[in-house]
Amino acid sequence: MKKQKQGLFLAALMVVGLPNAFAQLEIGGDLLESCSRIEGHRNSGNYAEARDAARLCLEGLEQELEGEIGQYFLMEVAGWRRTSFEQNKVMGFSNTSARYQKNGMSVTVSLTGGAGGAFGLGALGGFASLAILQSGRQVRVAGLPAVINPDGSVMVPLEDGSFLSFESSDFNDADSALSGMGDLVDAFPVADINRTLVEG
């Protein structure tokens, strides 16, 4: 009985002492709340805090932009129905991807970018765009220079340095890709995605 009372007393002390046990743990709010703290930290000379707040603010803005971009991956485009959708970020690279199906055929549409901006690849994006545009049949999608590769995939470098791709194992050359998924490429809201990434 005495041991039970001692155990209860120790447990009560632990509960009472919880706030002190987590004295350095701060529960923050929304990432975008950090945006309003940047200037205050900078004016106070707390540059490390200003930098950390800016990083959190940028992360929040990127998440908002990803959500806005996601709305352009519509449930149906030119008769193609969306069957899956995902957004993720790995090692600084963001990817939004959706699978569309029509008449037993399947196409994966992906938007990929990196840490050069919210989605863009920065200066590297320009060099990568040039390499892509020299690799296959030249076309234009929503007024943007693009390419159909020998394997039938369509790559559209966007103006912020990111890439929009249309890929399918059902089409293994440029001609079959044009006839098979050309309507999806033509109707996809590429211009809207490009404008959102460039203008925000």
Protein backbone atom coordinates (compact mmCIF):
# COMPACT_ATOMS: atom_id res chain seq x y z
CA MET A 1 0.00 0.00 0.00
CA LYS A 2 2.84 2.32 0.90
CA LYS A 3 4.53 1.65 -2.47
CA GLN A 4 1.28 2.41 -4.28
CA LYS A 5 0.99 5.78 -2.51
CA GLN A 6 4.59 6.61 -3.36
CA GLY A 7 3.93 5.73 -6.99
CA LEU A 8 0.86 7.95 -7.12
CA PHE A 9 2.81 10.81 -5.53
CA LEU A 10 5.61 10.50 -8.10
CA ALA A 11 3.09 10.41 -10.94
CA ALA A 12 1.44 13.58 -9.59
CA LEU A 13 4.81 15.32 -9.45
CA MET A 14 5.51 14.36 -13.05
CA VAL A 15 2.18 15.76 -14.23
CA VAL A 16 2.68 18.98 -12.29
CA GLY A 17 6.21 19.27 -13.64
CA LEU A 18 5.26 18.77 -17.32
CA PRO A 19 5.41 22.47 -18.30
CA ASN A 20 8.98 22.70 -16.95
CA ALA A 21 9.95 19.42 -18.60
CA PHE A 22 9.21 20.97 -21.99
CA ALA A 23 10.53 24.45 -21.32
CA GLN A 24 12.28 24.68 -24.70
CA LEU A 25 9.41 23.23 -26.73
CA GLU A 26 7.38 25.97 -28.41
CA ILE A 27 4.16 25.15 -30.20
CA GLY A 28 3.97 27.28 -33.31
CA GLY A 29 1.06 28.26 -35.49
CA ASP A 30 0.57 28.22 -39.22
CA LEU A 31 3.77 28.42 -41.28
CA LEU A 32 2.57 31.63 -42.92
CA GLU A 33 2.43 33.33 -39.51
CA SER A 34 6.23 33.35 -39.68
CA CYS A 35 6.07 35.80 -42.57
CA SER A 36 4.93 38.60 -40.27
CA ARG A 37 7.84 37.99 -37.86
CA ILE A 38 10.67 38.39 -40.35
CA GLU A 39 10.85 42.20 -40.33
CA GLY A 40 10.58 42.44 -36.54
CA HIS A 41 13.45 40.01 -36.02
CA ARG A 42 15.55 41.81 -38.64
CA ASN A 43 14.91 45.25 -37.13
CA SER A 44 15.90 43.90 -33.71
CA GLY A 45 19.14 42.55 -35.10
CA ASN A 46 18.04 38.93 -34.56
CA TYR A 47 19.20 37.83 -37.99
CA ALA A 48 19.23 34.12 -37.23
CA GLU A 49 15.62 34.29 -36.08
CA ALA A 50 14.72 36.36 -39.14
CA ARG A 51 16.35 33.75 -41.39
CA ASP A 52 14.49 30.89 -39.68
CA ALA A 53 11.20 32.76 -39.93
CA ALA A 54 11.87 33.39 -43.61
CA ARG A 55 12.49 29.69 -44.20
CA LEU A 56 9.21 28.77 -42.52
CA CYS A 57 7.42 31.51 -44.44
CA LEU A 58 8.81 30.19 -47.74
CA GLU A 59 7.74 26.66 -46.87
CA GLY A 60 4.22 27.91 -46.14
CA LEU A 61 4.10 29.83 -49.41
CA GLU A 62 5.31 26.77 -51.33
CA GLN A 63 2.58 24.66 -49.75
CA GLU A 64 -0.03 27.23 -50.74
CA LEU A 65 1.30 27.32 -54.30
CA GLU A 66 1.29 23.53 -54.50
CA GLY A 67 -2.34 23.54 -53.43
CA GLU A 68 -3.16 26.16 -56.05
CA ILE A 69 -1.36 24.18 -58.76
CA GLY A 70 -3.24 21.03 -57.77
CA GLN A 71 -6.54 22.58 -58.85
CA TYR A 72 -5.39 22.52 -62.48
CA PHE A 73 -5.12 18.72 -62.48
CA LEU A 74 -8.82 18.47 -63.24
CA MET A 75 -11.01 15.43 -62.68
CA GLU A 76 -11.67 15.26 -66.43
CA VAL A 77 -9.82 16.72 -69.41
CA ALA A 78 -10.95 16.07 -73.01
CA GLY A 79 -12.71 12.88 -71.95
CA TRP A 80 -9.73 11.63 -69.93
CA ARG A 81 -10.73 10.87 -66.34
CA ARG A 82 -8.35 11.32 -63.44
CA THR A 83 -7.85 8.09 -61.50
CA SER A 84 -5.09 9.14 -59.09
CA PHE A 85 -3.47 12.30 -57.77
CA GLU A 86 -0.55 12.99 -55.47
CA GLN A 87 1.77 15.78 -54.41
CA ASN A 88 5.07 15.28 -52.65
CA LYS A 89 8.47 16.80 -52.05
CA VAL A 90 11.72 14.84 -51.89
CA MET A 91 15.17 16.39 -51.33
CA GLY A 92 14.00 19.85 -52.37
CA PHE A 93 12.16 18.70 -55.48
CA SER A 94 8.38 19.11 -55.69
CA ASN A 95 6.22 16.81 -57.77
CA THR A 96 2.53 16.95 -58.60
CA SER A 97 1.34 13.92 -60.52
CA ALA A 98 -1.98 12.57 -61.80
CA ARG A 99 -2.96 9.54 -63.84
CA TYR A 100 -5.65 9.87 -66.51
CA GLN A 101 -7.49 7.08 -68.34
CA LYS A 102 -9.55 6.95 -71.52
CA ASN A 103 -10.60 4.05 -73.77
CA GLY A 104 -8.39 1.63 -71.87
CA MET A 105 -5.32 3.86 -72.22
CA SER A 106 -3.47 5.59 -69.39
CA VAL A 107 -1.35 8.74 -69.25
CA THR A 108 0.60 10.16 -66.31
CA VAL A 109 0.85 13.95 -66.17
CA SER A 110 3.57 15.27 -63.86
CA LEU A 111 4.81 18.70 -62.84
CA THR A 112 8.32 18.62 -61.40
CA GLY A 113 10.41 21.46 -60.05
CA GLY A 114 13.05 22.21 -57.48
CA ALA A 115 14.29 24.60 -54.87
CA GLY A 116 15.28 27.39 -57.27
CA GLY A 117 11.87 28.89 -56.54
CA ALA A 118 8.56 27.58 -55.28
CA PHE A 119 8.63 25.02 -58.05
CA GLY A 120 11.40 26.15 -60.39
CA LEU A 121 14.89 24.81 -60.84
CA GLY A 122 16.49 28.24 -60.99
CA ALA A 123 19.44 28.69 -63.34
CA LEU A 124 19.76 24.95 -63.80
CA GLY A 125 16.26 24.92 -65.24
CA GLY A 126 17.38 27.00 -68.23
CA PHE A 127 20.15 24.58 -69.16
CA ALA A 128 17.90 21.56 -68.62
CA SER A 129 15.22 23.15 -70.78
CA LEU A 130 17.67 23.62 -73.64
CA ALA A 131 18.75 19.99 -73.39
CA ILE A 132 15.15 18.78 -73.42
CA LEU A 133 14.18 20.94 -76.37
CA GLN A 134 17.02 19.54 -78.44
CA SER A 135 16.17 15.90 -77.77
CA GLY A 136 13.09 15.22 -79.92
CA ARG A 137 10.42 16.53 -82.26
CA GLN A 138 9.78 20.21 -81.69
CA VAL A 139 6.21 21.29 -80.93
CA ARG A 140 4.49 24.10 -79.04
CA VAL A 141 2.05 23.60 -76.19
CA ALA A 142 0.03 26.62 -75.03
CA GLY A 143 2.51 28.79 -76.92
CA LEU A 144 5.50 27.30 -75.08
CA PRO A 145 8.34 25.46 -76.85
CA ALA A 146 8.03 21.73 -76.08
CA VAL A 147 9.23 18.40 -77.41
CA ILE A 148 7.89 14.94 -78.19
CA ASN A 149 10.62 12.43 -77.39
CA PRO A 150 11.30 9.29 -79.46
CA ASP A 151 9.64 7.21 -76.70
CA GLY A 152 6.39 9.19 -77.11
CA SER A 153 6.65 11.24 -73.92
CA VAL A 154 5.87 14.96 -74.17
CA MET A 155 7.96 17.43 -72.16
CA VAL A 156 6.95 21.06 -71.67
CA PRO A 157 9.56 23.29 -69.94
CA LEU A 158 7.71 26.07 -68.12
CA GLU A 159 8.95 29.61 -67.72
CA ASP A 160 9.89 29.25 -64.03
CA GLY A 161 12.23 26.34 -64.81
CA SER A 162 9.88 23.47 -63.90
CA PHE A 163 8.72 20.76 -66.30
CA LEU A 164 5.32 19.37 -67.24
CA SER A 165 5.44 15.88 -68.72
CA PHE A 166 2.92 13.54 -70.35
CA GLU A 167 4.01 9.90 -70.34
CA SER A 168 2.32 6.62 -71.23
CA SER A 169 3.42 3.04 -71.81
CA ASP A 170 0.55 2.75 -74.32
CA PHE A 171 2.43 4.95 -76.82
CA ASN A 172 6.01 4.12 -77.70
CA ASP A 173 6.79 6.69 -80.41
CA ALA A 174 6.02 10.28 -81.30
CA ASP A 175 3.35 9.51 -83.90
CA SER A 176 1.32 7.17 -81.69
CA ALA A 177 1.60 9.65 -78.81
CA LEU A 178 0.28 12.48 -80.96
CA SER A 179 -2.70 10.47 -82.16
CA GLY A 180 -3.35 8.77 -78.82
CA MET A 181 -2.96 11.50 -76.21
CA GLY A 182 -2.69 14.64 -78.30
CA ASP A 183 -6.17 15.71 -77.20
CA LEU A 184 -5.14 15.52 -73.52
CA VAL A 185 -1.97 17.53 -74.12
CA ASP A 186 -3.91 20.10 -76.15
CA ALA A 187 -6.68 20.54 -73.56
CA PHE A 188 -4.61 20.41 -70.38
CA PRO A 189 -4.47 23.85 -68.66
CA VAL A 190 -0.77 24.32 -69.34
CA ALA A 191 -1.03 28.10 -69.80
CA ASP A 192 -2.82 28.48 -66.45
CA ILE A 193 -0.16 26.42 -64.66
CA ASN A 194 2.64 28.39 -66.29
CA ARG A 195 1.02 31.73 -65.43
CA THR A 196 0.46 30.72 -61.80
CA LEU A 197 4.05 29.61 -61.37
CA VAL A 198 5.45 32.77 -62.97
CA GLU A 199 3.09 35.35 -61.51
CA GLY A 200 2.15 33.59 -58.25
